[in-house]
PDB file of N, CA and C in Angstrom:
ATOM      1  N   MET A   1      28.503  48.586   2.866  1.00  0.00           N
ATOM      2  CA  MET A   1      27.206  49.188   2.622  1.00  0.00           C
ATOM      3  C   MET A   1      26.588  49.575   3.961  1.00  0.00           C
ATOM      4  N   ALA A   2      26.236  50.845   4.106  1.00  0.00           N
ATOM      5  CA  ALA A   2      25.654  51.346   5.343  1.00  0.00           C
ATOM      6  C   ALA A   2      24.172  50.990   5.409  1.00  0.00           C
ATOM      7  N   ILE A   3      23.716  50.663   6.601  1.00  0.00           N
ATOM      8  CA  ILE A   3      22.313  50.357   6.819  1.00  0.00           C
ATOM      9  C   ILE A   3      21.635  51.618   7.348  1.00  0.00           C
ATOM     10  N   GLN A   4      20.494  51.952   6.778  1.00  0.00           N
ATOM     11  CA  GLN A   4      19.765  53.143   7.176  1.00  0.00           C
ATOM     12  C   GLN A   4      18.484  52.748   7.889  1.00  0.00           C
ATOM     13  N   SER A   5      18.201  53.400   9.005  1.00  0.00           N
ATOM     14  CA  SER A   5      16.955  53.152   9.728  1.00  0.00           C
ATOM     15  C   SER A   5      15.807  53.851   9.022  1.00  0.00           C
ATOM     16  N   ILE A   6      14.665  53.194   9.009  1.00  0.00           N
ATOM     17  CA  ILE A   6      13.443  53.818   8.525  1.00  0.00           C
ATOM     18  C   ILE A   6      12.525  53.897   9.733  1.00  0.00           C
ATOM     19  N   LEU A   7      12.199  55.108  10.139  1.00  0.00           N
ATOM     20  CA  LEU A   7      11.452  55.332  11.365  1.00  0.00           C
ATOM     21  C   LEU A   7       9.951  55.456  11.100  1.00  0.00           C
ATOM     22  N   ALA A   8       9.435  54.580  10.268  1.00  0.00           N
ATOM     23  CA  ALA A   8       8.004  54.559   9.952  1.00  0.00           C
ATOM     24  C   ALA A   8       7.644  53.141   9.526  1.00  0.00           C
ATOM     25  N   GLU A   9       6.392  52.776   9.773  1.00  0.00           N
ATOM     26  CA  GLU A   9       5.942  51.448   9.348  1.00  0.00           C
ATOM     27  C   GLU A   9       5.546  51.424   7.885  1.00  0.00           C
ATOM     28  N   LYS A  10       5.166  52.593   7.350  1.00  0.00           N
ATOM     29  CA  LYS A  10       4.761  52.670   5.951  1.00  0.00           C
ATOM     30  C   LYS A  10       5.804  53.433   5.155  1.00  0.00           C
ATOM     31  N   THR A  11       5.985  53.017   3.906  1.00  0.00           N
ATOM     32  CA  THR A  11       6.920  53.692   3.011  1.00  0.00           C
ATOM     33  C   THR A  11       6.246  53.919   1.660  1.00  0.00           C
ATOM     34  N   VAL A  12       6.764  54.895   0.927  1.00  0.00           N
ATOM     35  CA  VAL A  12       6.290  55.166  -0.423  1.00  0.00           C
ATOM     36  C   VAL A  12       7.473  55.706  -1.222  1.00  0.00           C
ATOM     37  N   SER A  13       7.544  55.323  -2.484  1.00  0.00           N
ATOM     38  CA  SER A  13       8.596  55.868  -3.343  1.00  0.00           C
ATOM     39  C   SER A  13       8.159  57.250  -3.823  1.00  0.00           C
ATOM     40  N   ILE A  14       9.125  58.059  -4.179  1.00  0.00           N
ATOM     41  CA  ILE A  14       8.805  59.399  -4.673  1.00  0.00           C
ATOM     42  C   ILE A  14       7.940  59.317  -5.917  1.00  0.00           C
ATOM     43  N   SER A  15       8.205  58.367  -6.796  1.00  0.00           N
ATOM     44  CA  SER A  15       7.404  58.260  -8.028  1.00  0.00           C
ATOM     45  C   SER A  15       5.952  57.901  -7.710  1.00  0.00           C
ATOM     46  N   GLU A  16       5.708  57.038  -6.725  1.00  0.00           N
ATOM     47  CA  GLU A  16       4.337  56.713  -6.322  1.00  0.00           C
ATOM     48  C   GLU A  16       3.685  57.896  -5.621  1.00  0.00           C
ATOM     49  N   LEU A  17       4.461  58.613  -4.817  1.00  0.00           N
ATOM     50  CA  LEU A  17       3.953  59.769  -4.087  1.00  0.00           C
ATOM     51  C   LEU A  17       3.448  60.839  -5.055  1.00  0.00           C
ATOM     52  N   ARG A  18       4.145  61.037  -6.152  1.00  0.00           N
ATOM     53  CA  ARG A  18       3.754  62.048  -7.142  1.00  0.00           C
ATOM     54  C   ARG A  18       2.389  61.760  -7.747  1.00  0.00           C
ATOM     55  N   LYS A  19       2.018  60.498  -7.849  1.00  0.00           N
ATOM     56  CA  LYS A  19       0.751  60.132  -8.483  1.00  0.00           C
ATOM     57  C   LYS A  19      -0.450  60.576  -7.651  1.00  0.00           C
ATOM     58  N   LYS A  20      -0.371  60.417  -6.331  1.00  0.00           N
ATOM     59  CA  LYS A  20      -1.512  60.753  -5.477  1.00  0.00           C
ATOM     60  C   LYS A  20      -1.012  61.094  -4.068  1.00  0.00           C
ATOM     61  N   PRO A  21      -0.430  62.275  -3.901  1.00  0.00           N
ATOM     62  CA  PRO A  21       0.196  62.620  -2.618  1.00  0.00           C
ATOM     63  C   PRO A  21      -0.766  62.662  -1.440  1.00  0.00           C
ATOM     64  N   THR A  22      -2.019  63.017  -1.654  1.00  0.00           N
ATOM     65  CA  THR A  22      -2.946  63.129  -0.525  1.00  0.00           C
ATOM     66  C   THR A  22      -3.211  61.783   0.158  1.00  0.00           C
ATOM     67  N   ASP A  23      -2.958  60.694  -0.517  1.00  0.00           N
ATOM     68  CA  ASP A  23      -3.141  59.367   0.094  1.00  0.00           C
ATOM     69  C   ASP A  23      -2.154  59.108   1.232  1.00  0.00           C
ATOM     70  N   TYR A  24      -1.094  59.896   1.302  1.00  0.00           N
ATOM     71  CA  TYR A  24      -0.035  59.623   2.272  1.00  0.00           C
ATOM     72  C   TYR A  24       0.005  60.613   3.429  1.00  0.00           C
ATOM     73  N   PHE A  25      -0.925  61.569   3.468  1.00  0.00           N
ATOM     74  CA  PHE A  25      -1.041  62.462   4.621  1.00  0.00           C
ATOM     75  C   PHE A  25      -1.963  61.794   5.624  1.00  0.00           C
ATOM     76  N   ILE A  26      -1.426  60.870   6.379  1.00  0.00           N
ATOM     77  CA  ILE A  26      -2.211  60.095   7.335  1.00  0.00           C
ATOM     78  C   ILE A  26      -1.691  60.372   8.742  1.00  0.00           C
ATOM     79  N   ASN A  27      -2.354  59.831   9.746  1.00  0.00           N
ATOM     80  CA  ASN A  27      -1.992  60.117  11.135  1.00  0.00           C
ATOM     81  C   ASN A  27      -0.878  59.228  11.672  1.00  0.00           C
ATOM     82  N   GLU A  28       0.012  58.888  10.824  1.00  0.00           N
ATOM     83  CA  GLU A  28       1.249  58.216  11.208  1.00  0.00           C
ATOM     84  C   GLU A  28       2.306  58.577  10.171  1.00  0.00           C
ATOM     85  N   PRO A  29       3.572  58.553  10.548  1.00  0.00           N
ATOM     86  CA  PRO A  29       4.615  58.931   9.583  1.00  0.00           C
ATOM     87  C   PRO A  29       4.683  57.952   8.405  1.00  0.00           C
ATOM     88  N   VAL A  30       4.977  58.502   7.247  1.00  0.00           N
ATOM     89  CA  VAL A  30       5.218  57.700   6.049  1.00  0.00           C
ATOM     90  C   VAL A  30       6.603  58.089   5.545  1.00  0.00           C
ATOM     91  N   ALA A  31       7.488  57.101   5.433  1.00  0.00           N
ATOM     92  CA  ALA A  31       8.838  57.362   4.932  1.00  0.00           C
ATOM     93  C   ALA A  31       8.785  57.473   3.410  1.00  0.00           C
ATOM     94  N   VAL A  32       9.368  58.538   2.876  1.00  0.00           N
ATOM     95  CA  VAL A  32       9.425  58.753   1.434  1.00  0.00           C
ATOM     96  C   VAL A  32      10.809  58.322   0.973  1.00  0.00           C
ATOM     97  N   LEU A  33      10.849  57.377   0.056  1.00  0.00           N
ATOM     98  CA  LEU A  33      12.113  56.798  -0.393  1.00  0.00           C
ATOM     99  C   LEU A  33      12.504  57.300  -1.777  1.00  0.00           C
ATOM    100  N   SER A  34      13.792  57.551  -1.923  1.00  0.00           N
ATOM    101  CA  SER A  34      14.376  57.889  -3.210  1.00  0.00           C
ATOM    102  C   SER A  34      15.589  56.996  -3.389  1.00  0.00           C
ATOM    103  N   ASN A  35      15.581  56.196  -4.417  1.00  0.00           N
ATOM    104  CA  ASN A  35      16.655  55.224  -4.648  1.00  0.00           C
ATOM    105  C   ASN A  35      16.863  54.340  -3.425  1.00  0.00           C
ATOM    106  N   ASN A  36      15.742  53.908  -2.829  1.00  0.00           N
ATOM    107  CA  ASN A  36      15.725  53.020  -1.664  1.00  0.00           C
ATOM    108  C   ASN A  36      16.390  53.606  -0.430  1.00  0.00           C
ATOM    109  N   LYS A  37      16.492  54.918  -0.373  1.00  0.00           N
ATOM    110  CA  LYS A  37      17.007  55.604   0.815  1.00  0.00           C
ATOM    111  C   LYS A  37      15.944  56.596   1.268  1.00  0.00           C
ATOM    112  N   THR A  38      15.846  56.794   2.573  1.00  0.00           N
ATOM    113  CA  THR A  38      14.851  57.717   3.101  1.00  0.00           C
ATOM    114  C   THR A  38      15.208  59.143   2.717  1.00  0.00           C
ATOM    115  N   ALA A  39      14.306  59.778   1.963  1.00  0.00           N
ATOM    116  CA  ALA A  39      14.497  61.174   1.565  1.00  0.00           C
ATOM    117  C   ALA A  39      13.815  62.104   2.559  1.00  0.00           C
ATOM    118  N   GLY A  40      12.797  61.605   3.235  1.00  0.00           N
ATOM    119  CA  GLY A  40      12.070  62.413   4.210  1.00  0.00           C
ATOM    120  C   GLY A  40      10.885  61.645   4.735  1.00  0.00           C
ATOM    121  N   TYR A  41      10.090  62.338   5.540  1.00  0.00           N
ATOM    122  CA  TYR A  41       8.897  61.737   6.124  1.00  0.00           C
ATOM    123  C   TYR A  41       7.705  62.650   5.887  1.00  0.00           C
ATOM    124  N   MET A  42       6.534  62.065   5.700  1.00  0.00           N
ATOM    125  CA  MET A  42       5.295  62.822   5.555  1.00  0.00           C
ATOM    126  C   MET A  42       4.400  62.494   6.728  1.00  0.00           C
ATOM    127  N   VAL A  43       3.722  63.529   7.242  1.00  0.00           N
ATOM    128  CA  VAL A  43       2.739  63.339   8.298  1.00  0.00           C
ATOM    129  C   VAL A  43       1.555  64.260   8.012  1.00  0.00           C
ATOM    130  N   SER A  44       0.426  63.952   8.621  1.00  0.00           N
ATOM    131  CA  SER A  44      -0.749  64.809   8.458  1.00  0.00           C
ATOM    132  C   SER A  44      -0.552  66.106   9.226  1.00  0.00           C
ATOM    133  N   ALA A  45      -1.359  67.101   8.921  1.00  0.00           N
ATOM    134  CA  ALA A  45      -1.281  68.389   9.627  1.00  0.00           C
ATOM    135  C   ALA A  45      -1.562  68.194  11.113  1.00  0.00           C
ATOM    136  N   ASP A  46      -2.557  67.370  11.445  1.00  0.00           N
ATOM    137  CA  ASP A  46      -2.876  67.127  12.858  1.00  0.00           C
ATOM    138  C   ASP A  46      -1.698  66.533  13.611  1.00  0.00           C
ATOM    139  N   LEU A  47      -1.054  65.533  13.024  1.00  0.00           N
ATOM    140  CA  LEU A  47       0.081  64.896  13.681  1.00  0.00           C
ATOM    141  C   LEU A  47       1.247  65.870  13.807  1.00  0.00           C
ATOM    142  N   TYR A  48       1.496  66.661  12.782  1.00  0.00           N
ATOM    143  CA  TYR A  48       2.578  67.641  12.829  1.00  0.00           C
ATOM    144  C   TYR A  48       2.334  68.639  13.955  1.00  0.00           C
ATOM    145  N   GLU A  49       1.102  69.147  14.059  1.00  0.00           N
ATOM    146  CA  GLU A  49       0.773  70.105  15.117  1.00  0.00           C
ATOM    147  C   GLU A  49       0.957  69.486  16.506  1.00  0.00           C
ATOM    148  N   GLN A  50       0.589  68.223  16.662  1.00  0.00           N
ATOM    149  CA  GLN A  50       0.804  67.534  17.933  1.00  0.00           C
ATOM    150  C   GLN A  50       2.297  67.434  18.245  1.00  0.00           C
ATOM    151  N   MET A  51       3.096  67.121  17.237  1.00  0.00           N
ATOM    152  CA  MET A  51       4.546  67.005  17.431  1.00  0.00           C
ATOM    153  C   MET A  51       5.145  68.349  17.852  1.00  0.00           C
ATOM    154  N   VAL A  52       4.712  69.440  17.215  1.00  0.00           N
ATOM    155  CA  VAL A  52       5.215  70.773  17.557  1.00  0.00           C
ATOM    156  C   VAL A  52       4.867  71.102  19.001  1.00  0.00           C
ATOM    157  N   LYS A  53       3.625  70.814  19.411  1.00  0.00           N
ATOM    158  CA  LYS A  53       3.215  71.080  20.796  1.00  0.00           C
ATOM    159  C   LYS A  53       4.072  70.312  21.791  1.00  0.00           C
ATOM    160  N   ILE A  54       4.370  69.058  21.487  1.00  0.00           N
ATOM    161  CA  ILE A  54       5.209  68.247  22.379  1.00  0.00           C
ATOM    162  C   ILE A  54       6.618  68.818  22.449  1.00  0.00           C
ATOM    163  N   ILE A  55       7.187  69.167  21.308  1.00  0.00           N
ATOM    164  CA  ILE A  55       8.543  69.733  21.275  1.00  0.00           C
ATOM    165  C   ILE A  55       8.583  71.027  22.073  1.00  0.00           C
ATOM    166  N   GLU A  56       7.603  71.895  21.849  1.00  0.00           N
ATOM    167  CA  GLU A  56       7.591  73.176  22.545  1.00  0.00           C
ATOM    168  C   GLU A  56       7.363  73.001  24.046  1.00  0.00           C
ATOM    169  N   SER A  57       6.561  72.022  24.443  1.00  0.00           N
ATOM    170  CA  SER A  57       6.313  71.814  25.872  1.00  0.00           C
ATOM    171  C   SER A  57       7.548  71.289  26.588  1.00  0.00           C
ATOM    172  N   LYS A  58       8.443  70.647  25.871  1.00  0.00           N
ATOM    173  CA  LYS A  58       9.657  70.081  26.472  1.00  0.00           C
ATOM    174  C   LYS A  58      10.805  71.074  26.541  1.00  0.00           C
ATOM    175  N   SER A  59      10.707  72.183  25.800  1.00  0.00           N
ATOM    176  CA  SER A  59      11.813  73.149  25.787  1.00  0.00           C
ATOM    177  C   SER A  59      11.468  74.345  26.658  1.00  0.00           C
ATOM    178  N   GLN A  60      12.496  74.994  27.181  1.00  0.00           N
ATOM    179  CA  GLN A  60      12.314  76.167  28.023  1.00  0.00           C
ATOM    180  C   GLN A  60      11.817  77.353  27.214  1.00  0.00           C
ATOM    181  N   SER A  61      12.412  77.552  26.059  1.00  0.00           N
ATOM    182  CA  SER A  61      11.978  78.631  25.175  1.00  0.00           C
ATOM    183  C   SER A  61      11.677  78.023  23.814  1.00  0.00           C
ATOM    184  N   SER A  62      10.689  78.536  23.162  1.00  0.00           N
ATOM    185  CA  SER A  62      10.281  77.988  21.885  1.00  0.00           C
ATOM    186  C   SER A  62      11.226  78.462  20.786  1.00  0.00           C
ATOM    187  N   GLN A  63      12.175  77.631  20.434  1.00  0.00           N
ATOM    188  CA  GLN A  63      13.082  77.946  19.329  1.00  0.00           C
ATOM    189  C   GLN A  63      12.635  77.226  18.070  1.00  0.00           C
ATOM    190  N   PHE A  64      11.601  76.409  18.205  1.00  0.00           N
ATOM    191  CA  PHE A  64      11.144  75.644  17.061  1.00  0.00           C
ATOM    192  C   PHE A  64      10.487  76.554  16.032  1.00  0.00           C
ATOM    193  N   ARG A  65       9.728  77.531  16.521  1.00  0.00           N
ATOM    194  CA  ARG A  65       9.104  78.506  15.637  1.00  0.00           C
ATOM    195  C   ARG A  65       9.721  79.862  15.926  1.00  0.00           C
ATOM    196  N   PRO A  66       9.972  80.666  14.910  1.00  0.00           N
ATOM    197  CA  PRO A  66      10.586  81.972  15.158  1.00  0.00           C
ATOM    198  C   PRO A  66       9.652  82.894  15.940  1.00  0.00           C
ATOM    199  N   SER A  67      10.236  83.719  16.781  1.00  0.00           N
ATOM    200  CA  SER A  67       9.468  84.690  17.547  1.00  0.00           C
ATOM    201  C   SER A  67       8.982  85.801  16.624  1.00  0.00           C
ATOM    202  N   ASN A  68       8.092  86.632  17.138  1.00  0.00           N
ATOM    203  CA  ASN A  68       7.579  87.756  16.357  1.00  0.00           C
ATOM    204  C   ASN A  68       8.722  88.691  15.954  1.00  0.00           C
ATOM    205  N   ALA A  69       9.658  88.916  16.892  1.00  0.00           N
ATOM    206  CA  ALA A  69      10.802  89.793  16.588  1.00  0.00           C
ATOM    207  C   ALA A  69      11.646  89.200  15.454  1.00  0.00           C
ATOM    208  N   ARG A  70      11.854  87.878  15.474  1.00  0.00           N
ATOM    209  CA  ARG A  70      12.655  87.231  14.427  1.00  0.00           C
ATOM    210  C   ARG A  70      11.933  87.301  13.082  1.00  0.00           C
ATOM    211  N   LEU A  71      10.623  87.086  13.085  1.00  0.00           N
ATOM    212  CA  LEU A  71       9.858  87.180  11.830  1.00  0.00           C
ATOM    213  C   LEU A  71       9.899  88.592  11.264  1.00  0.00           C
ATOM    214  N   THR A  72       9.810  89.599  12.140  1.00  0.00           N
ATOM    215  CA  THR A  72       9.893  90.990  11.701  1.00  0.00           C
ATOM    216  C   THR A  72      11.252  91.275  11.085  1.00  0.00           C
ATOM    217  N   SER A  73      12.299  90.746  11.711  1.00  0.00           N
ATOM    218  CA  SER A  73      13.659  90.920  11.203  1.00  0.00           C
ATOM    219  C   SER A  73      13.819  90.268   9.823  1.00  0.00           C
ATOM    220  N   ILE A  74      13.292  89.058   9.675  1.00  0.00           N
ATOM    221  CA  ILE A  74      13.371  88.339   8.397  1.00  0.00           C
ATOM    222  C   ILE A  74      12.630  89.124   7.311  1.00  0.00           C
ATOM    223  N   ALA A  75      11.426  89.619   7.627  1.00  0.00           N
ATOM    224  CA  ALA A  75      10.641  90.386   6.657  1.00  0.00           C
ATOM    225  C   ALA A  75      11.362  91.667   6.262  1.00  0.00           C
ATOM    226  N   SER A  76      11.988  92.328   7.226  1.00  0.00           N
ATOM    227  CA  SER A  76      12.715  93.563   6.956  1.00  0.00           C
ATOM    228  C   SER A  76      13.903  93.307   6.033  1.00  0.00           C
ATOM    229  N   LEU A  77      14.654  92.259   6.320  1.00  0.00           N
ATOM    230  CA  LEU A  77      15.803  91.909   5.469  1.00  0.00           C
ATOM    231  C   LEU A  77      15.349  91.567   4.053  1.00  0.00           C
ATOM    232  N   GLY A  78      14.236  90.831   3.946  1.00  0.00           N
ATOM    233  CA  GLY A  78      13.698  90.481   2.629  1.00  0.00           C
ATOM    234  C   GLY A  78      13.288  91.709   1.843  1.00  0.00           C
ATOM    235  N   ALA A  79      12.644  92.663   2.520  1.00  0.00           N
ATOM    236  CA  ALA A  79      12.220  93.903   1.858  1.00  0.00           C
ATOM    237  C   ALA A  79      13.423  94.691   1.378  1.00  0.00           C
ATOM    238  N   GLU A  80      14.465  94.777   2.207  1.00  0.00           N
ATOM    239  CA  GLU A  80      15.691  95.486   1.813  1.00  0.00           C
ATOM    240  C   GLU A  80      16.315  94.851   0.582  1.00  0.00           C
ATOM    241  N   GLN A  81      16.368  93.526   0.553  1.00  0.00           N
ATOM    242  CA  GLN A  81      16.968  92.834  -0.576  1.00  0.00           C
ATOM    243  C   GLN A  81      16.146  93.029  -1.846  1.00  0.00           C
ATOM    244  N   LEU A  82      14.821  93.008  -1.732  1.00  0.00           N
ATOM    245  CA  LEU A  82      13.978  93.252  -2.910  1.00  0.00           C
ATOM    246  C   LEU A  82      14.164  94.657  -3.448  1.00  0.00           C
ATOM    247  N   LEU A  83      14.220  95.639  -2.553  1.00  0.00           N
ATOM    248  CA  LEU A  83      14.384  97.024  -2.986  1.00  0.00           C
ATOM    249  C   LEU A  83      15.757  97.267  -3.609  1.00  0.00           C
ATOM    250  N   ALA A  84      16.765  96.539  -3.168  1.00  0.00           N
ATOM    251  CA  ALA A  84      18.119  96.717  -3.675  1.00  0.00           C
ATOM    252  C   ALA A  84      18.388  95.897  -4.940  1.00  0.00           C
ATOM    253  N   ALA A  85      17.480  94.984  -5.287  1.00  0.00           N
ATOM    254  CA  ALA A  85      17.696  94.093  -6.428  1.00  0.00           C
ATOM    255  C   ALA A  85      17.575  94.845  -7.745  1.00  0.00           C
ATOM    256  N   SER A  86      18.410  94.435  -8.698  1.00  0.00           N
ATOM    257  CA  SER A  86      18.353  95.040 -10.034  1.00  0.00           C
ATOM    258  C   SER A  86      17.230  94.375 -10.837  1.00  0.00           C
ATOM    259  N   GLU A  87      16.876  94.999 -11.962  1.00  0.00           N
ATOM    260  CA  GLU A  87      15.837  94.422 -12.819  1.00  0.00           C
ATOM    261  C   GLU A  87      16.261  93.061 -13.342  1.00  0.00           C
ATOM    262  N   GLN A  88      17.553  92.907 -13.600  1.00  0.00           N
ATOM    263  CA  GLN A  88      18.064  91.623 -14.097  1.00  0.00           C
ATOM    264  C   GLN A  88      17.899  90.546 -13.024  1.00  0.00           C
ATOM    265  N   GLU A  89      18.186  90.865 -11.763  1.00  0.00           N
ATOM    266  CA  GLU A  89      18.046  89.898 -10.676  1.00  0.00           C
ATOM    267  C   GLU A  89      16.576  89.513 -10.453  1.00  0.00           C
ATOM    268  N   LEU A  90      15.684  90.469 -10.654  1.00  0.00           N
ATOM    269  CA  LEU A  90      14.282  90.181 -10.446  1.00  0.00           C
ATOM    270  C   LEU A  90      13.664  89.383 -11.595  1.00  0.00           C
ATOM    271  N   GLY A  91      14.251  89.482 -12.774  1.00  0.00           N
ATOM    272  CA  GLY A  91      13.766  88.713 -13.912  1.00  0.00           C
ATOM    273  C   GLY A  91      12.324  89.046 -14.252  1.00  0.00           C
ATOM    274  N   ASP A  92      11.478  88.030 -14.308  1.00  0.00           N
ATOM    275  CA  ASP A  92      10.077  88.205 -14.686  1.00  0.00           C
ATOM    276  C   ASP A  92       9.169  88.419 -13.492  1.00  0.00           C
ATOM    277  N   PHE A  93       9.718  88.712 -12.352  1.00  0.00           N
ATOM    278  CA  PHE A  93       8.925  88.895 -11.135  1.00  0.00           C
ATOM    279  C   PHE A  93       7.958  90.061 -11.299  1.00  0.00           C
ATOM    280  N   GLU A  94       6.698  89.830 -10.965  1.00  0.00           N
ATOM    281  CA  GLU A  94       5.679  90.887 -10.993  1.00  0.00           C
ATOM    282  C   GLU A  94       4.897  90.833  -9.708  1.00  0.00           C
ATOM    283  N   GLU A  95       4.396  92.011  -9.287  1.00  0.00           N
ATOM    284  CA  GLU A  95       3.561  92.071  -8.092  1.00  0.00           C
ATOM    285  C   GLU A  95       2.158  91.693  -8.407  1.00  0.00           C
TER     286      GLU A  95
END
């Protein structure tokens, strides 16, 4: 049986999280467990933004967030795929 690290002092099960998710957006990580295994971590928006700033300050180029050119490329590819999609592929999609 493999031992898994939990990198947070607080934990919550997915079933408990579903009942009141806003209780777990706090200024420290909360490990979300599924079948007693870590499925992910939740953090508040403030803490997440602080983490992004630290990551970006430590790297030479910001690869954590896509550049404007990359976002433009992604949007262009998405538009091409939507325009090329058949009515069957789009299903009930409406603008």
